[in-house]
Amino acid sequence: MDTWRVEPIPEPRIGLSSEVARFGVAGLSLRLTSLQQKLERDHALSVALDIGDREAVDSLPPDVTAAVHAMFFEAGLNAAHHSGGTIVRLTLQVTGNSVTLRIEDDGVGFAFEGIYELRELLAFGVGSQTLARLVAIFGGRMRLDSRTTGSRIEIGLPRHGFERDIAAPPLSDRAIAS
């Protein structure tokens, strides 16, 4: 047994994929660069990755790192599979006590137009419900702006760990039974 190796344990209740879990304690900038390469390799699109302060990003707590990776992974795959666009921009900024994620694409937008906050997305069951539930579980905020010229999602998370001031919706039995 290697004493330096950390075996990640995926959290089945929140659906952290093996793609996210396999990185263990790797820094977030490495994780996101790998995600960028994977999306470009596996899908016909260009992925622009903008990481504001790599040192700050790589010093985020492990729970924040895994959550940000999972959210970018989910949003990136959604854009690749459903947007019909050619460019996806992933932006990450760490400032003060917050972490801000932005996902933008030049696709066709969602099946609805307008700006929706997290609570509305969950209440109406529109947009990426997997992403919205992840944000809710981790106590974040989310805004989705859908237009016929593309979509923009902005997510805010606490920098130093998670507060749970938004009641997470119940997960399906399928997501819990693992």
Foldseek 3Di string as FASTA:
>chain_A
DDPPDDQFDDDLQLCQDCLLRVCPLFFLVVLVVVLQVVLVVPAQAHEAEAEPDRVLRRPFDPVVSSLVSSLCNVLSVCCRPPFQFRYWYWYWYDDDFKIKIKIKTQGQWFPDAAKDKLVCCVVVVDDPPSSSLSLQVQAKIKMWGTHRRIIMIMIMATRHGGDRPHDRDGDDPVSVPD
